[in-house]
C-alpha atoms as a PDB file:
ATOM      1  CA  MET A   1       4.246  10.911  -7.507  1.00  0.00           C
ATOM      2  CA  ASN A   2       6.922   8.798  -5.848  1.00  0.00           C
ATOM      3  CA  LYS A   3       9.814   9.949  -3.647  1.00  0.00           C
ATOM      4  CA  LYS A   4      12.268  10.173  -6.556  1.00  0.00           C
ATOM      5  CA  GLU A   5       9.911  12.426  -8.553  1.00  0.00           C
ATOM      6  CA  PHE A   6       9.235  14.512  -5.442  1.00  0.00           C
ATOM      7  CA  SER A   7      12.993  14.886  -4.861  1.00  0.00           C
ATOM      8  CA  LYS A   8      13.429  16.060  -8.463  1.00  0.00           C
ATOM      9  CA  LYS A   9      10.731  18.701  -7.914  1.00  0.00           C
ATOM     10  CA  VAL A  10      12.540  19.866  -4.751  1.00  0.00           C
ATOM     11  CA  ALA A  11      15.876  19.898  -6.618  1.00  0.00           C
ATOM     12  CA  ASP A  12      14.384  22.102  -9.334  1.00  0.00           C
ATOM     13  CA  ALA A  13      12.923  24.505  -6.749  1.00  0.00           C
ATOM     14  CA  MET A  14      16.102  24.648  -4.619  1.00  0.00           C
ATOM     15  CA  ASP A  15      18.533  24.698  -7.576  1.00  0.00           C
ATOM     16  CA  CYS A  16      20.519  21.715  -6.282  1.00  0.00           C
ATOM     17  CA  THR A  17      21.242  18.179  -7.420  1.00  0.00           C
ATOM     18  CA  ILE A  18      18.653  15.409  -7.173  1.00  0.00           C
ATOM     19  CA  ALA A  19      20.928  13.544  -4.725  1.00  0.00           C
ATOM     20  CA  GLU A  20      21.101  16.590  -2.419  1.00  0.00           C
ATOM     21  CA  ALA A  21      17.349  17.084  -2.648  1.00  0.00           C
ATOM     22  CA  GLU A  22      16.710  13.416  -1.904  1.00  0.00           C
ATOM     23  CA  GLU A  23      18.921  13.700   1.188  1.00  0.00           C
ATOM     24  CA  MET A  24      16.936  16.783   2.327  1.00  0.00           C
ATOM     25  CA  VAL A  25      13.625  14.985   1.779  1.00  0.00           C
ATOM     26  CA  ASP A  26      14.883  11.952   3.727  1.00  0.00           C
ATOM     27  CA  GLU A  27      15.982  14.193   6.618  1.00  0.00           C
ATOM     28  CA  VAL A  28      12.626  15.976   6.768  1.00  0.00           C
ATOM     29  CA  PHE A  29      10.697  12.694   6.807  1.00  0.00           C
ATOM     30  CA  GLU A  30      13.065  11.275   9.439  1.00  0.00           C
ATOM     31  CA  ALA A  31      12.613  14.382  11.605  1.00  0.00           C
ATOM     32  CA  VAL A  32       8.812  14.096  11.351  1.00  0.00           C
ATOM     33  CA  ALA A  33       8.972  10.411  12.311  1.00  0.00           C
ATOM     34  CA  ASP A  34      11.269  11.190  15.274  1.00  0.00           C
ATOM     35  CA  VAL A  35       8.927  13.883  16.618  1.00  0.00           C
ATOM     36  CA  LEU A  36       5.892  11.601  16.305  1.00  0.00           C
ATOM     37  CA  GLU A  37       7.793   8.747  17.950  1.00  0.00           C
ATOM     38  CA  GLU A  38       8.432  11.037  20.942  1.00  0.00           C
ATOM     39  CA  GLY A  39       4.685  11.663  21.208  1.00  0.00           C
ATOM     40  CA  ASP A  40       4.834  15.306  20.136  1.00  0.00           C
ATOM     41  CA  LYS A  41       3.010  16.935  17.240  1.00  0.00           C
ATOM     42  CA  ILE A  42       4.099  19.202  14.402  1.00  0.00           C
ATOM     43  CA  ILE A  43       1.970  22.155  13.342  1.00  0.00           C
ATOM     44  CA  ILE A  44       2.863  23.718   9.997  1.00  0.00           C
ATOM     45  CA  ARG A  45       0.823  26.821   9.315  1.00  0.00           C
ATOM     46  CA  ASP A  46      -1.258  26.695   6.092  1.00  0.00           C
ATOM     47  CA  PHE A  47      -0.219  23.054   5.576  1.00  0.00           C
ATOM     48  CA  GLY A  48      -1.429  20.871   8.428  1.00  0.00           C
ATOM     49  CA  THR A  49      -0.769  19.047  11.675  1.00  0.00           C
ATOM     50  CA  PHE A  50       1.070  15.769  12.122  1.00  0.00           C
ATOM     51  CA  SER A  51       0.197  13.965  15.350  1.00  0.00           C
ATOM     52  CA  THR A  52      -0.437  10.531  16.806  1.00  0.00           C
ATOM     53  CA  LYS A  53      -3.669   8.940  17.952  1.00  0.00           C
ATOM     54  CA  VAL A  54      -4.394   5.963  20.168  1.00  0.00           C
ATOM     55  CA  GLN A  55      -6.474   3.391  18.319  1.00  0.00           C
ATOM     56  CA  ALA A  56      -8.492   1.437  20.876  1.00  0.00           C
ATOM     57  CA  ALA A  57      -8.360  -2.330  21.177  1.00  0.00           C
ATOM     58  CA  ARG A  58     -11.113  -4.073  19.226  1.00  0.00           C
ATOM     59  CA  VAL A  59     -12.430  -7.412  18.110  1.00  0.00           C
ATOM     60  CA  ALA A  60     -11.959  -8.107  14.402  1.00  0.00           C
ATOM     61  CA  ARG A  61     -12.906 -11.021  12.204  1.00  0.00           C
ATOM     62  CA  ASN A  62     -10.656 -13.103   9.992  1.00  0.00           C
ATOM     63  CA  PRO A  63     -12.422 -12.917   6.587  1.00  0.00           C
ATOM     64  CA  LYS A  64     -11.079 -16.317   5.543  1.00  0.00           C
ATOM     65  CA  THR A  65     -12.185 -18.350   8.563  1.00  0.00           C
ATOM     66  CA  GLY A  66     -14.716 -16.087  10.268  1.00  0.00           C
ATOM     67  CA  GLU A  67     -12.756 -16.473  13.513  1.00  0.00           C
ATOM     68  CA  LYS A  68     -12.849 -13.514  15.934  1.00  0.00           C
ATOM     69  CA  ILE A  69      -9.453 -11.977  16.669  1.00  0.00           C
ATOM     70  CA  GLN A  70      -8.525  -9.543  19.435  1.00  0.00           C
ATOM     71  CA  VAL A  71      -6.607  -6.576  17.966  1.00  0.00           C
ATOM     72  CA  PRO A  72      -4.585  -4.782  20.658  1.00  0.00           C
ATOM     73  CA  GLU A  73      -4.511  -1.029  21.250  1.00  0.00           C
ATOM     74  CA  LYS A  74      -1.925   0.795  19.152  1.00  0.00           C
ATOM     75  CA  ILE A  75      -0.674   4.275  18.355  1.00  0.00           C
ATOM     76  CA  VAL A  76      -1.082   5.410  14.753  1.00  0.00           C
ATOM     77  CA  PRO A  77       0.154   8.534  12.921  1.00  0.00           C
ATOM     78  CA  LYS A  78      -2.443  11.118  11.929  1.00  0.00           C
ATOM     79  CA  PHE A  79      -2.432  14.114   9.575  1.00  0.00           C
ATOM     80  CA  LYS A  80      -5.015  16.878   9.540  1.00  0.00           C
ATOM     81  CA  ALA A  81      -4.836  19.252   6.589  1.00  0.00           C
ATOM     82  CA  ALA A  82      -5.008  22.980   7.279  1.00  0.00           C
ATOM     83  CA  VAL A  83      -7.618  25.206   5.668  1.00  0.00           C
ATOM     84  CA  GLY A  84      -4.952  26.749   3.409  1.00  0.00           C
ATOM     85  CA  LEU A  85      -3.979  23.350   1.994  1.00  0.00           C
ATOM     86  CA  LYS A  86      -7.603  22.334   1.535  1.00  0.00           C
ATOM     87  CA  GLU A  87      -8.271  25.548  -0.379  1.00  0.00           C
ATOM     88  CA  ARG A  88      -5.265  24.957  -2.663  1.00  0.00           C
ATOM     89  CA  CYS A  89      -6.529  21.452  -3.468  1.00  0.00           C
ATOM     90  CA  ASN A  90      -9.980  22.706  -4.435  1.00  0.00           C
END
């Protein structure tokens, strides 16, 4: 499912236009990104937790040349599904 299809599903559930639903979806995703950018986490009961994690620096290998490359430390987004969501999926 892409964002347009997801927005249509939200529009049907909220009884609004697809354009309004798409704007709501964009705002929610933007808010999640803003919170993660600040270094905070979001806990949504029965859904999951959005947070960030520090990925340590490492040595990687270029598959084309075999050359070793130093990959610097970086912060990556992380999502951990709640038990309620896992149960719904199974």
